[in-house]
Protein backbone atom coordinates (compact mmCIF):
# COMPACT_ATOMS: atom_id res chain seq x y z
CA MET A 1 84.13 88.47 146.39
CA SER A 2 82.23 86.11 148.65
CA GLU A 3 83.91 85.45 151.97
CA ARG A 4 84.18 81.94 153.31
CA ARG A 5 83.44 80.49 156.72
CA GLY A 6 85.93 77.64 156.82
CA SER A 7 85.36 75.79 153.57
CA LEU A 8 81.74 76.92 153.15
CA PRO A 9 80.95 79.42 150.39
CA MET A 10 79.34 82.66 151.57
CA LEU A 11 77.21 85.32 149.92
CA ARG A 12 77.07 88.95 151.05
CA VAL A 13 73.94 90.87 150.06
CA ALA A 14 72.74 94.38 150.80
CA THR A 15 69.76 96.65 150.33
CA TYR A 16 70.40 100.36 149.80
CA ASN A 17 68.01 103.23 149.08
CA VAL A 18 70.22 105.73 147.22
CA ARG A 19 67.70 108.63 146.81
CA ALA A 20 68.63 109.20 143.14
CA CYS A 21 72.27 109.44 144.27
CA LEU A 22 71.54 112.76 146.01
CA GLY A 23 73.57 113.03 149.19
CA ILE A 24 72.57 114.84 152.35
CA ASP A 25 75.10 117.49 151.36
CA GLY A 26 72.89 118.32 148.34
CA ARG A 27 75.36 116.88 145.83
CA ARG A 28 74.34 114.20 143.33
CA SER A 29 77.04 111.62 142.75
CA GLU A 30 76.70 108.17 141.20
CA ALA A 31 80.44 107.69 141.76
CA ARG A 32 80.03 108.18 145.51
CA ILE A 33 77.25 105.59 145.67
CA ALA A 34 79.51 103.15 143.79
CA GLU A 35 82.27 103.86 146.33
CA VAL A 36 79.92 103.02 149.20
CA ILE A 37 78.95 99.75 147.49
CA ALA A 38 82.63 98.95 146.99
CA GLU A 39 83.14 99.47 150.73
CA LEU A 40 80.54 96.79 151.45
CA SER A 41 82.51 93.97 149.78
CA ALA A 42 79.07 92.70 148.79
CA ASP A 43 78.14 90.31 146.00
CA ILE A 44 74.56 91.43 145.28
CA VAL A 45 72.95 94.77 146.13
CA GLY A 46 69.33 95.82 145.72
CA LEU A 47 69.10 99.56 145.03
CA GLN A 48 66.01 101.75 145.29
CA GLU A 49 65.22 105.22 143.89
CA LEU A 50 67.31 105.45 140.74
CA ASP A 51 66.84 107.69 137.70
CA LEU A 52 67.17 106.86 134.04
CA ARG A 53 67.36 109.76 131.55
CA ARG A 54 65.63 112.12 133.97
CA GLN A 55 66.27 115.84 133.61
CA ARG A 56 66.87 116.28 137.35
CA SER A 57 69.81 113.83 137.09
CA ALA A 58 71.25 115.33 133.88
CA GLY A 59 69.82 112.48 131.79
CA THR A 60 72.12 109.94 133.44
CA ASP A 61 71.55 106.18 133.45
CA GLN A 62 72.42 105.98 137.11
CA THR A 63 72.33 102.19 137.37
CA ARG A 64 74.71 101.75 134.45
CA VAL A 65 77.14 104.37 135.75
CA ILE A 66 77.26 102.70 139.19
CA ALA A 67 77.62 99.19 137.75
CA GLU A 68 80.33 100.20 135.29
CA GLN A 69 82.38 101.85 138.04
CA LEU A 70 82.15 98.59 140.00
CA GLY A 71 82.68 96.37 136.95
CA TRP A 72 79.44 94.55 137.83
CA HIS A 73 76.31 93.26 136.10
CA HIS A 74 73.09 95.24 136.50
CA SER A 75 69.36 95.21 135.91
CA PHE A 76 67.07 98.26 136.21
CA HIS A 77 63.28 98.16 136.42
CA ALA A 78 61.16 101.30 136.14
CA ALA A 79 58.37 101.90 138.63
CA MET A 80 57.42 105.19 136.93
CA GLN A 81 58.00 106.51 133.44
CA ASP A 82 57.09 109.68 131.59
CA GLU A 83 58.01 109.52 127.92
CA HIS A 84 61.79 108.96 128.01
CA GLU A 85 62.27 109.56 131.73
CA HIS A 86 62.28 106.56 134.09
CA TYR A 87 62.48 106.14 137.85
CA GLY A 88 62.73 102.88 139.75
CA ASP A 89 64.92 100.24 141.31
CA ALA A 90 67.87 98.08 140.33
CA ILE A 91 69.94 95.06 141.22
CA VAL A 92 73.71 95.16 140.77
CA SER A 93 75.79 92.01 141.12
CA ARG A 94 79.27 90.56 140.74
CA TYR A 95 77.58 87.60 139.10
CA PRO A 96 75.48 87.42 135.91
CA ILE A 97 71.79 88.29 136.34
CA THR A 98 68.81 86.71 134.59
CA VAL A 99 65.50 88.58 134.93
CA ARG A 100 62.59 86.27 135.78
CA HIS A 101 59.77 88.74 136.45
CA ALA A 102 59.41 92.48 136.87
CA ALA A 103 56.18 94.40 137.32
CA GLU A 104 54.42 97.27 139.00
CA LEU A 105 52.97 96.45 142.42
CA THR A 106 49.55 97.85 141.70
CA ALA A 107 47.96 99.28 144.84
CA ARG A 108 46.04 102.44 145.63
CA ALA A 109 48.61 105.10 146.47
CA PRO A 110 47.75 107.82 149.01
CA TRP A 111 46.81 111.30 147.82
CA TYR A 112 50.02 112.75 149.24
CA CYS A 113 52.29 110.44 147.23
CA ARG A 114 50.99 109.09 143.92
CA GLU A 115 54.27 107.33 143.22
CA SER A 116 54.02 103.91 141.55
CA ARG A 117 55.93 101.03 143.12
CA ALA A 118 57.43 97.92 141.55
CA ALA A 119 59.41 94.75 142.17
CA ALA A 120 61.92 92.75 140.16
CA TRP A 121 62.79 89.08 140.53
CA VAL A 122 66.13 87.91 139.16
CA GLU A 123 68.16 84.72 139.24
CA VAL A 124 71.84 85.06 140.09
CA GLU A 125 74.42 82.31 139.67
CA THR A 126 76.62 82.49 142.77
CA GLU A 127 79.02 80.36 144.78
CA LEU A 128 75.93 79.10 146.63
CA GLY A 129 74.42 78.02 143.32
CA ALA A 130 71.42 79.68 141.69
CA VAL A 131 69.81 82.23 144.02
CA ASP A 132 66.46 83.96 143.48
CA VAL A 133 66.49 87.63 144.50
CA ILE A 134 63.48 89.98 144.66
CA ASN A 135 64.12 93.72 145.07
CA THR A 136 61.31 96.14 145.87
CA HIS A 137 60.30 99.52 147.31
CA PHE A 138 56.93 99.75 149.05
CA GLY A 139 54.66 102.78 149.27
CA LEU A 140 54.05 105.22 152.10
CA ALA A 141 50.50 104.30 153.16
CA ARG A 142 49.78 101.33 155.43
CA ARG A 143 47.04 99.84 153.23
CA GLU A 144 49.16 100.36 150.14
CA ARG A 145 52.09 98.50 151.72
CA LEU A 146 49.85 95.65 152.86
CA ALA A 147 48.46 95.24 149.34
CA GLN A 148 52.01 95.19 147.96
CA ALA A 149 53.06 92.54 150.50
CA LYS A 150 50.06 90.42 149.46
CA LEU A 151 51.16 90.68 145.83
CA LEU A 152 54.70 89.56 146.64
CA THR A 153 53.43 86.55 148.58
CA SER A 154 51.11 85.52 145.73
CA GLU A 155 51.58 82.76 143.16
CA ALA A 156 53.05 85.28 140.70
CA TRP A 157 56.00 86.05 142.96
CA LEU A 158 57.13 83.99 145.95
CA GLY A 159 54.64 81.27 145.11
CA ALA A 160 56.32 80.80 141.73
CA ILE A 161 59.76 80.02 143.18
CA ASP A 162 60.86 76.52 144.14
CA PRO A 163 61.20 76.77 147.96
CA ARG A 164 64.16 74.38 147.88
CA ARG A 165 66.17 77.11 146.16
CA PRO A 166 67.74 79.99 148.12
CA ILE A 167 65.37 82.98 148.08
CA ILE A 168 66.24 86.54 149.13
CA LEU A 169 63.69 89.37 149.32
CA LEU A 170 65.11 92.80 150.02
CA GLY A 171 64.22 96.45 149.75
CA ASP A 172 62.90 99.58 151.38
CA LEU A 173 59.50 98.61 152.80
CA ASN A 174 58.79 102.06 154.31
CA GLY A 175 57.62 100.16 157.38
CA LEU A 176 58.91 98.80 160.66
CA PRO A 177 59.31 95.26 161.95
CA HIS A 178 56.02 93.75 163.17
CA SER A 179 53.89 96.04 160.99
CA ALA A 180 51.09 94.25 159.11
CA PRO A 181 53.01 94.00 155.78
CA HIS A 182 56.09 92.78 157.65
CA ARG A 183 54.09 90.13 159.53
CA LEU A 184 52.62 88.89 156.26
CA LEU A 185 56.04 88.55 154.64
CA THR A 186 57.39 86.68 157.66
CA GLN A 187 54.70 84.04 157.18
CA HIS A 188 56.68 83.04 154.07
CA LEU A 189 60.26 84.15 154.78
CA SER A 190 62.44 85.00 157.77
CA ASP A 191 63.58 88.52 158.62
CA VAL A 192 67.38 88.51 158.98
CA ARG A 193 67.13 90.85 161.98
CA ALA A 194 65.05 88.29 163.84
CA LEU A 195 67.45 85.51 162.84
CA VAL A 196 70.32 87.30 164.59
CA GLY A 197 68.27 87.94 167.70
CA SER A 198 66.57 91.33 167.40
CA SER A 199 63.83 92.67 165.13
CA TRP A 200 64.39 96.27 166.23
CA ARG A 201 68.16 96.65 165.99
CA PHE A 202 70.04 97.82 162.91
CA PRO A 203 68.17 101.08 162.07
CA THR A 204 68.99 102.42 158.61
CA PHE A 205 67.10 105.72 158.32
CA PRO A 206 67.80 108.62 158.39
CA THR A 207 71.57 108.81 158.16
CA ARG A 208 71.72 112.03 160.19
CA PHE A 209 70.26 110.22 163.21
CA PRO A 210 69.25 106.63 162.38
CA LEU A 211 66.18 105.54 164.32
CA LEU A 212 64.03 103.51 161.91
CA ALA A 213 64.53 99.98 160.58
CA VAL A 214 62.72 100.49 157.26
CA ASP A 215 65.17 98.66 154.97
CA HIS A 216 64.81 94.89 155.14
CA ILE A 217 66.28 91.57 154.01
CA PHE A 218 64.31 88.32 154.18
CA VAL A 219 65.49 84.79 153.38
CA ASN A 220 63.92 81.35 153.13
CA ASP A 221 64.86 78.18 154.98
CA ALA A 222 67.57 77.29 152.46
CA LEU A 223 69.77 80.06 153.90
CA GLU A 224 71.25 80.99 157.24
CA VAL A 225 72.54 84.39 158.36
CA THR A 226 76.09 84.44 159.67
CA ALA A 227 76.45 88.21 160.13
CA LEU A 228 74.35 91.37 159.85
CA GLU A 229 75.34 95.03 159.97
CA VAL A 230 74.32 98.54 159.02
CA HIS A 231 77.18 100.01 157.01
CA ARG A 232 77.91 103.32 158.74
CA THR A 233 80.94 105.20 157.48
CA ARG A 234 81.69 108.84 156.83
CA LEU A 235 81.04 108.25 153.12
CA SER A 236 77.77 106.35 153.55
CA ARG A 237 76.50 109.01 155.94
CA LEU A 238 76.87 111.61 153.18
CA ALA A 239 75.93 109.62 150.09
CA SER A 240 72.21 109.06 150.80
CA ASP A 241 69.60 109.47 153.53
CA HIS A 242 69.60 105.67 154.09
CA PHE A 243 72.43 103.45 155.28
CA PRO A 244 72.92 100.08 153.54
CA LEU A 245 71.81 96.97 155.44
CA VAL A 246 74.26 94.13 154.79
CA ALA A 247 73.86 90.39 155.48
CA ASP A 248 76.28 87.48 155.14
CA LEU A 249 74.49 84.31 154.07
CA ALA A 250 75.37 80.63 153.75
CA ARG A 251 73.52 77.54 152.53
CA LYS A 252 72.05 75.52 155.36
CA THR A 253 73.65 72.14 155.67
CA ALA A 254 71.40 69.12 155.93
CA THR A 255 71.11 67.66 159.43
CA VAL A 256 71.99 63.97 159.64
CA LYS A 257 69.51 62.07 161.79
């Protein structure tokens, strides 16, 4: 449940690439991913790389299994589908979720990875009030990622949200702070790493030897960051090749002049 700073309500959010629940020990386990999420004491988590009815994951609806173990709400959006098999991203939440928009982020993928990418925008009713959350997973090529960042900053996505409402954009951007896609996003939102004093700290990938800050959380001016951490435990080191990035958020209070 949300922690409180004094009497102010708080919201804890995280982004977590779970690699189809395949751990670095070669074992697939949705239950283990759910255990890591439970460790976070988070309220909303954006997940990337989940399977739905795929043969490689024994036909499992991975999002549902994780959410049911937590007792949470969930929303899955496919980035790729082949007949009955789906692959994509999800949002799981303690609070009810209303889907506002979900779509493929059309961009030319590189020859070495023809994987489609997508984003989903949901509204979540929290102790901070209604919060708009966008979860995404960018591609591997620089031009592809820049095109995807341009889509997210367009009138169909961030431009469609009332800026007076709390906005959170999170996901695996496959890129570092100060890259071109990152700079474009920070023209519209603030990177939580920068808000706590360092754009380069808090590396999340790979779990064997974390060097790269490729998983990101951005917020608008309606929110402030009160804490930020990479969740490194024995369990999270095994469960995926990414660590979760976790941020504590509060509503900004109006300044009396």
